[in-house]
Amino acid sequence: MISETVVSEFIHKLSHDITGITHNIMGYATLLEEENNPEYLKGIARLINKLNKRIEDAVNAVDEGQLQELSQT
């Protein structure tokens, strides 16, 4: 069984990663609104891809039992 501590640490790290990325996306969106620069759209797209990858990696880690492995160390 996975300990609550391992799950809590995993969720906090994931939350931190996602929050950082979403703040960056909001920054690009604000700049885009203010300056109408198409380069900011590329930044938003890049960050959304990064966010999707991070979520996919987290789901895969859970599916592959990596949290279980962490709790045994």
PDB file of N, CA and C in Angstrom:
ATOM      1  N   MET A   1       0.841  -1.178   0.000  1.00  0.00           N
ATOM      2  CA  MET A   1       0.000   0.000   0.000  1.00  0.00           C
ATOM      3  C   MET A   1       0.890   1.247   0.000  1.00  0.00           C
ATOM      4  N   ILE A   2       0.457   2.247  -0.745  1.00  0.00           N
ATOM      5  CA  ILE A   2       1.204   3.495  -0.852  1.00  0.00           C
ATOM      6  C   ILE A   2       0.879   4.370   0.357  1.00  0.00           C
ATOM      7  N   SER A   3       1.911   4.911   0.967  1.00  0.00           N
ATOM      8  CA  SER A   3       1.691   5.732   2.159  1.00  0.00           C
ATOM      9  C   SER A   3       1.086   7.089   1.777  1.00  0.00           C
ATOM     10  N   GLU A   4       0.391   7.659   2.733  1.00  0.00           N
ATOM     11  CA  GLU A   4      -0.194   8.983   2.517  1.00  0.00           C
ATOM     12  C   GLU A   4       0.892  10.020   2.269  1.00  0.00           C
ATOM     13  N   THR A   5       2.038   9.854   2.887  1.00  0.00           N
ATOM     14  CA  THR A   5       3.142  10.790   2.705  1.00  0.00           C
ATOM     15  C   THR A   5       3.622  10.793   1.264  1.00  0.00           C
ATOM     16  N   VAL A   6       3.777   9.609   0.662  1.00  0.00           N
ATOM     17  CA  VAL A   6       4.232   9.505  -0.724  1.00  0.00           C
ATOM     18  C   VAL A   6       3.220  10.145  -1.657  1.00  0.00           C
ATOM     19  N   VAL A   7       1.943   9.849  -1.448  1.00  0.00           N
ATOM     20  CA  VAL A   7       0.896  10.427  -2.285  1.00  0.00           C
ATOM     21  C   VAL A   7       0.868  11.941  -2.124  1.00  0.00           C
ATOM     22  N   SER A   8       0.968  12.410  -0.887  1.00  0.00           N
ATOM     23  CA  SER A   8       0.953  13.846  -0.628  1.00  0.00           C
ATOM     24  C   SER A   8       2.120  14.555  -1.309  1.00  0.00           C
ATOM     25  N   GLU A   9       3.311  13.988  -1.200  1.00  0.00           N
ATOM     26  CA  GLU A   9       4.486  14.582  -1.844  1.00  0.00           C
ATOM     27  C   GLU A   9       4.320  14.616  -3.355  1.00  0.00           C
ATOM     28  N   PHE A  10       3.788  13.543  -3.919  1.00  0.00           N
ATOM     29  CA  PHE A  10       3.573  13.467  -5.362  1.00  0.00           C
ATOM     30  C   PHE A  10       2.582  14.549  -5.812  1.00  0.00           C
ATOM     31  N   ILE A  11       1.469  14.662  -5.107  1.00  0.00           N
ATOM     32  CA  ILE A  11       0.441  15.645  -5.465  1.00  0.00           C
ATOM     33  C   ILE A  11       0.969  17.067  -5.305  1.00  0.00           C
ATOM     34  N   HIS A  12       1.725  17.336  -4.249  1.00  0.00           N
ATOM     35  CA  HIS A  12       2.275  18.674  -4.054  1.00  0.00           C
ATOM     36  C   HIS A  12       3.262  19.038  -5.165  1.00  0.00           C
ATOM     37  N   LYS A  13       4.098  18.081  -5.567  1.00  0.00           N
ATOM     38  CA  LYS A  13       5.047  18.358  -6.643  1.00  0.00           C
ATOM     39  C   LYS A  13       4.309  18.601  -7.954  1.00  0.00           C
ATOM     40  N   LEU A  14       3.335  17.770  -8.247  1.00  0.00           N
ATOM     41  CA  LEU A  14       2.552  17.931  -9.474  1.00  0.00           C
ATOM     42  C   LEU A  14       1.830  19.278  -9.465  1.00  0.00           C
ATOM     43  N   SER A  15       1.230  19.622  -8.340  1.00  0.00           N
ATOM     44  CA  SER A  15       0.526  20.899  -8.211  1.00  0.00           C
ATOM     45  C   SER A  15       1.480  22.070  -8.441  1.00  0.00           C
ATOM     46  N   HIS A  16       2.673  21.984  -7.874  1.00  0.00           N
ATOM     47  CA  HIS A  16       3.672  23.044  -8.043  1.00  0.00           C
ATOM     48  C   HIS A  16       4.042  23.187  -9.512  1.00  0.00           C
ATOM     49  N   ASP A  17       4.295  22.066 -10.194  1.00  0.00           N
ATOM     50  CA  ASP A  17       4.651  22.098 -11.613  1.00  0.00           C
ATOM     51  C   ASP A  17       3.539  22.711 -12.451  1.00  0.00           C
ATOM     52  N   ILE A  18       2.325  22.268 -12.220  1.00  0.00           N
ATOM     53  CA  ILE A  18       1.190  22.742 -13.014  1.00  0.00           C
ATOM     54  C   ILE A  18       0.922  24.225 -12.740  1.00  0.00           C
ATOM     55  N   THR A  19       1.007  24.631 -11.485  1.00  0.00           N
ATOM     56  CA  THR A  19       0.772  26.034 -11.149  1.00  0.00           C
ATOM     57  C   THR A  19       1.793  26.943 -11.825  1.00  0.00           C
ATOM     58  N   GLY A  20       3.052  26.534 -11.823  1.00  0.00           N
ATOM     59  CA  GLY A  20       4.088  27.334 -12.483  1.00  0.00           C
ATOM     60  C   GLY A  20       3.823  27.487 -13.969  1.00  0.00           C
ATOM     61  N   ILE A  21       3.448  26.400 -14.604  1.00  0.00           N
ATOM     62  CA  ILE A  21       3.178  26.443 -16.043  1.00  0.00           C
ATOM     63  C   ILE A  21       1.954  27.300 -16.344  1.00  0.00           C
ATOM     64  N   THR A  22       0.885  27.142 -15.566  1.00  0.00           N
ATOM     65  CA  THR A  22      -0.322  27.934 -15.832  1.00  0.00           C
ATOM     66  C   THR A  22      -0.083  29.422 -15.591  1.00  0.00           C
ATOM     67  N   HIS A  23       0.758  29.773 -14.606  1.00  0.00           N
ATOM     68  CA  HIS A  23       1.096  31.187 -14.404  1.00  0.00           C
ATOM     69  C   HIS A  23       1.844  31.740 -15.622  1.00  0.00           C
ATOM     70  N   ASN A  24       2.737  30.939 -16.187  1.00  0.00           N
ATOM     71  CA  ASN A  24       3.448  31.377 -17.389  1.00  0.00           C
ATOM     72  C   ASN A  24       2.489  31.555 -18.565  1.00  0.00           C
ATOM     73  N   ILE A  25       1.539  30.649 -18.706  1.00  0.00           N
ATOM     74  CA  ILE A  25       0.548  30.766 -19.779  1.00  0.00           C
ATOM     75  C   ILE A  25      -0.250  32.061 -19.612  1.00  0.00           C
ATOM     76  N   MET A  26      -0.657  32.350 -18.395  1.00  0.00           N
ATOM     77  CA  MET A  26      -1.407  33.585 -18.147  1.00  0.00           C
ATOM     78  C   MET A  26      -0.559  34.818 -18.470  1.00  0.00           C
ATOM     79  N   GLY A  27       0.725  34.751 -18.166  1.00  0.00           N
ATOM     80  CA  GLY A  27       1.613  35.870 -18.502  1.00  0.00           C
ATOM     81  C   GLY A  27       1.675  36.097 -19.999  1.00  0.00           C
ATOM     82  N   TYR A  28       1.820  35.016 -20.764  1.00  0.00           N
ATOM     83  CA  TYR A  28       1.833  35.134 -22.224  1.00  0.00           C
ATOM     84  C   TYR A  28       0.500  35.671 -22.735  1.00  0.00           C
ATOM     85  N   ALA A  29      -0.599  35.196 -22.172  1.00  0.00           N
ATOM     86  CA  ALA A  29      -1.925  35.654 -22.607  1.00  0.00           C
ATOM     87  C   ALA A  29      -2.086  37.152 -22.352  1.00  0.00           C
ATOM     88  N   THR A  30      -1.606  37.617 -21.209  1.00  0.00           N
ATOM     89  CA  THR A  30      -1.681  39.041 -20.897  1.00  0.00           C
ATOM     90  C   THR A  30      -0.842  39.852 -21.876  1.00  0.00           C
ATOM     91  N   LEU A  31       0.380  39.400 -22.143  1.00  0.00           N
ATOM     92  CA  LEU A  31       1.232  40.091 -23.109  1.00  0.00           C
ATOM     93  C   LEU A  31       0.604  40.095 -24.495  1.00  0.00           C
ATOM     94  N   LEU A  32       0.034  38.974 -24.869  1.00  0.00           N
ATOM     95  CA  LEU A  32      -0.616  38.886 -26.178  1.00  0.00           C
ATOM     96  C   LEU A  32      -1.756  39.894 -26.276  1.00  0.00           C
ATOM     97  N   GLU A  33      -2.539  39.980 -25.218  1.00  0.00           N
ATOM     98  CA  GLU A  33      -3.656  40.923 -25.191  1.00  0.00           C
ATOM     99  C   GLU A  33      -3.153  42.368 -25.289  1.00  0.00           C
ATOM    100  N   GLU A  34      -2.089  42.670 -24.581  1.00  0.00           N
ATOM    101  CA  GLU A  34      -1.576  44.035 -24.547  1.00  0.00           C
ATOM    102  C   GLU A  34      -0.801  44.418 -25.807  1.00  0.00           C
ATOM    103  N   GLU A  35      -0.048  43.478 -26.362  1.00  0.00           N
ATOM    104  CA  GLU A  35       0.871  43.809 -27.451  1.00  0.00           C
ATOM    105  C   GLU A  35       0.509  43.173 -28.787  1.00  0.00           C
ATOM    106  N   ASN A  36      -0.409  42.226 -28.780  1.00  0.00           N
ATOM    107  CA  ASN A  36      -0.852  41.543 -29.999  1.00  0.00           C
ATOM    108  C   ASN A  36       0.332  41.011 -30.818  1.00  0.00           C
ATOM    109  N   ASN A  37       1.250  40.340 -30.136  1.00  0.00           N
ATOM    110  CA  ASN A  37       2.436  39.775 -30.781  1.00  0.00           C
ATOM    111  C   ASN A  37       2.222  38.278 -31.001  1.00  0.00           C
ATOM    112  N   PRO A  38       2.246  37.821 -32.263  1.00  0.00           N
ATOM    113  CA  PRO A  38       2.007  36.404 -32.544  1.00  0.00           C
ATOM    114  C   PRO A  38       3.027  35.451 -31.897  1.00  0.00           C
ATOM    115  N   GLU A  39       4.195  35.955 -31.549  1.00  0.00           N
ATOM    116  CA  GLU A  39       5.195  35.104 -30.892  1.00  0.00           C
ATOM    117  C   GLU A  39       4.695  34.611 -29.537  1.00  0.00           C
ATOM    118  N   TYR A  40       3.839  35.376 -28.905  1.00  0.00           N
ATOM    119  CA  TYR A  40       3.305  34.958 -27.621  1.00  0.00           C
ATOM    120  C   TYR A  40       2.390  33.746 -27.768  1.00  0.00           C
ATOM    121  N   LEU A  41       1.733  33.623 -28.920  1.00  0.00           N
ATOM    122  CA  LEU A  41       0.919  32.423 -29.176  1.00  0.00           C
ATOM    123  C   LEU A  41       1.792  31.175 -29.205  1.00  0.00           C
ATOM    124  N   LYS A  42       2.975  31.300 -29.771  1.00  0.00           N
ATOM    125  CA  LYS A  42       3.910  30.174 -29.787  1.00  0.00           C
ATOM    126  C   LYS A  42       4.318  29.798 -28.358  1.00  0.00           C
ATOM    127  N   GLY A  43       4.526  30.795 -27.523  1.00  0.00           N
ATOM    128  CA  GLY A  43       4.866  30.538 -26.127  1.00  0.00           C
ATOM    129  C   GLY A  43       3.738  29.830 -25.399  1.00  0.00           C
ATOM    130  N   ILE A  44       2.517  30.264 -25.644  1.00  0.00           N
ATOM    131  CA  ILE A  44       1.358  29.623 -25.025  1.00  0.00           C
ATOM    132  C   ILE A  44       1.264  28.169 -25.485  1.00  0.00           C
ATOM    133  N   ALA A  45       1.392  27.939 -26.778  1.00  0.00           N
ATOM    134  CA  ALA A  45       1.316  26.576 -27.312  1.00  0.00           C
ATOM    135  C   ALA A  45       2.411  25.695 -26.720  1.00  0.00           C
ATOM    136  N   ARG A  46       3.617  26.235 -26.590  1.00  0.00           N
ATOM    137  CA  ARG A  46       4.737  25.476 -26.026  1.00  0.00           C
ATOM    138  C   ARG A  46       4.442  25.084 -24.576  1.00  0.00           C
ATOM    139  N   LEU A  47       3.918  26.022 -23.814  1.00  0.00           N
ATOM    140  CA  LEU A  47       3.625  25.743 -22.412  1.00  0.00           C
ATOM    141  C   LEU A  47       2.460  24.773 -22.242  1.00  0.00           C
ATOM    142  N   ILE A  48       1.470  24.861 -23.109  1.00  0.00           N
ATOM    143  CA  ILE A  48       0.358  23.905 -23.047  1.00  0.00           C
ATOM    144  C   ILE A  48       0.869  22.501 -23.355  1.00  0.00           C
ATOM    145  N   ASN A  49       1.752  22.383 -24.334  1.00  0.00           N
ATOM    146  CA  ASN A  49       2.340  21.072 -24.630  1.00  0.00           C
ATOM    147  C   ASN A  49       3.147  20.563 -23.440  1.00  0.00           C
ATOM    148  N   LYS A  50       3.878  21.442 -22.772  1.00  0.00           N
ATOM    149  CA  LYS A  50       4.657  21.062 -21.587  1.00  0.00           C
ATOM    150  C   LYS A  50       3.730  20.601 -20.466  1.00  0.00           C
ATOM    151  N   LEU A  51       2.636  21.310 -20.275  1.00  0.00           N
ATOM    152  CA  LEU A  51       1.660  20.953 -19.255  1.00  0.00           C
ATOM    153  C   LEU A  51       1.039  19.595 -19.547  1.00  0.00           C
ATOM    154  N   ASN A  52       0.640  19.385 -20.797  1.00  0.00           N
ATOM    155  CA  ASN A  52       0.062  18.101 -21.176  1.00  0.00           C
ATOM    156  C   ASN A  52       1.047  16.960 -20.955  1.00  0.00           C
ATOM    157  N   LYS A  53       2.309  17.179 -21.266  1.00  0.00           N
ATOM    158  CA  LYS A  53       3.342  16.158 -21.086  1.00  0.00           C
ATOM    159  C   LYS A  53       3.532  15.846 -19.601  1.00  0.00           C
ATOM    160  N   ARG A  54       3.536  16.879 -18.775  1.00  0.00           N
ATOM    161  CA  ARG A  54       3.714  16.670 -17.330  1.00  0.00           C
ATOM    162  C   ARG A  54       2.563  15.858 -16.752  1.00  0.00           C
ATOM    163  N   ILE A  55       1.341  16.178 -17.175  1.00  0.00           N
ATOM    164  CA  ILE A  55       0.178  15.433 -16.694  1.00  0.00           C
ATOM    165  C   ILE A  55       0.238  13.990 -17.191  1.00  0.00           C
ATOM    166  N   GLU A  56       0.583  13.805 -18.460  1.00  0.00           N
ATOM    167  CA  GLU A  56       0.717  12.454 -19.019  1.00  0.00           C
ATOM    168  C   GLU A  56       1.770  11.648 -18.262  1.00  0.00           C
ATOM    169  N   ASP A  57       2.907  12.274 -17.964  1.00  0.00           N
ATOM    170  CA  ASP A  57       3.970  11.594 -17.216  1.00  0.00           C
ATOM    171  C   ASP A  57       3.493  11.198 -15.813  1.00  0.00           C
ATOM    172  N   ALA A  58       2.721  12.077 -15.187  1.00  0.00           N
ATOM    173  CA  ALA A  58       2.215  11.783 -13.845  1.00  0.00           C
ATOM    174  C   ALA A  58       1.245  10.612 -13.872  1.00  0.00           C
ATOM    175  N   VAL A  59       0.360  10.606 -14.836  1.00  0.00           N
ATOM    176  CA  VAL A  59      -0.599   9.502 -14.957  1.00  0.00           C
ATOM    177  C   VAL A  59       0.141   8.196 -15.228  1.00  0.00           C
ATOM    178  N   ASN A  60       1.120   8.246 -16.107  1.00  0.00           N
ATOM    179  CA  ASN A  60       1.901   7.046 -16.409  1.00  0.00           C
ATOM    180  C   ASN A  60       2.658   6.554 -15.175  1.00  0.00           C
ATOM    181  N   ALA A  61       3.187   7.474 -14.389  1.00  0.00           N
ATOM    182  CA  ALA A  61       3.899   7.081 -13.167  1.00  0.00           C
ATOM    183  C   ALA A  61       2.968   6.336 -12.224  1.00  0.00           C
ATOM    184  N   VAL A  62       1.761   6.825 -12.090  1.00  0.00           N
ATOM    185  CA  VAL A  62       0.791   6.151 -11.223  1.00  0.00           C
ATOM    186  C   VAL A  62       0.429   4.789 -11.810  1.00  0.00           C
ATOM    187  N   ASP A  63       0.143   4.760 -13.114  1.00  0.00           N
ATOM    188  CA  ASP A  63      -0.236   3.503 -13.772  1.00  0.00           C
ATOM    189  C   ASP A  63       0.869   2.451 -13.698  1.00  0.00           C
ATOM    190  N   GLU A  64       2.123   2.884 -13.746  1.00  0.00           N
ATOM    191  CA  GLU A  64       3.254   1.959 -13.735  1.00  0.00           C
ATOM    192  C   GLU A  64       3.705   1.591 -12.320  1.00  0.00           C
ATOM    193  N   GLY A  65       3.008   2.105 -11.323  1.00  0.00           N
ATOM    194  CA  GLY A  65       3.326   1.755  -9.955  1.00  0.00           C
ATOM    195  C   GLY A  65       4.533   2.466  -9.386  1.00  0.00           C
ATOM    196  N   GLN A  66       4.942   3.550  -9.989  1.00  0.00           N
ATOM    197  CA  GLN A  66       6.120   4.246  -9.490  1.00  0.00           C
ATOM    198  C   GLN A  66       5.895   4.853  -8.110  1.00  0.00           C
ATOM    199  N   LEU A  67       4.671   5.200  -7.791  1.00  0.00           N
ATOM    200  CA  LEU A  67       4.419   5.683  -6.435  1.00  0.00           C
ATOM    201  C   LEU A  67       4.633   4.563  -5.424  1.00  0.00           C
ATOM    202  N   GLN A  68       4.237   3.365  -5.787  1.00  0.00           N
ATOM    203  CA  GLN A  68       4.450   2.213  -4.917  1.00  0.00           C
ATOM    204  C   GLN A  68       5.938   2.000  -4.667  1.00  0.00           C
ATOM    205  N   GLU A  69       6.735   2.151  -5.738  1.00  0.00           N
ATOM    206  CA  GLU A  69       8.180   1.985  -5.609  1.00  0.00           C
ATOM    207  C   GLU A  69       8.761   3.026  -4.667  1.00  0.00           C
ATOM    208  N   LEU A  70       8.267   4.271  -4.749  1.00  0.00           N
ATOM    209  CA  LEU A  70       8.768   5.334  -3.877  1.00  0.00           C
ATOM    210  C   LEU A  70       8.464   5.022  -2.417  1.00  0.00           C
ATOM    211  N   SER A  71       7.322   4.425  -2.164  1.00  0.00           N
ATOM    212  CA  SER A  71       6.927   4.169  -0.780  1.00  0.00           C
ATOM    213  C   SER A  71       7.734   3.032  -0.144  1.00  0.00           C
ATOM    214  N   GLN A  72       8.418   2.248  -0.967  1.00  0.00           N
ATOM    215  CA  GLN A  72       9.196   1.119  -0.446  1.00  0.00           C
ATOM    216  C   GLN A  72      10.654   1.496  -0.204  1.00  0.00           C
ATOM    217  N   THR A  73      11.052   2.706  -0.574  1.00  0.00           N
ATOM    218  CA  THR A  73      12.467   3.108  -0.390  1.00  0.00           C
ATOM    219  C   THR A  73      12.658   3.846   0.902  1.00  0.00           C
TER     220      THR A  73
END
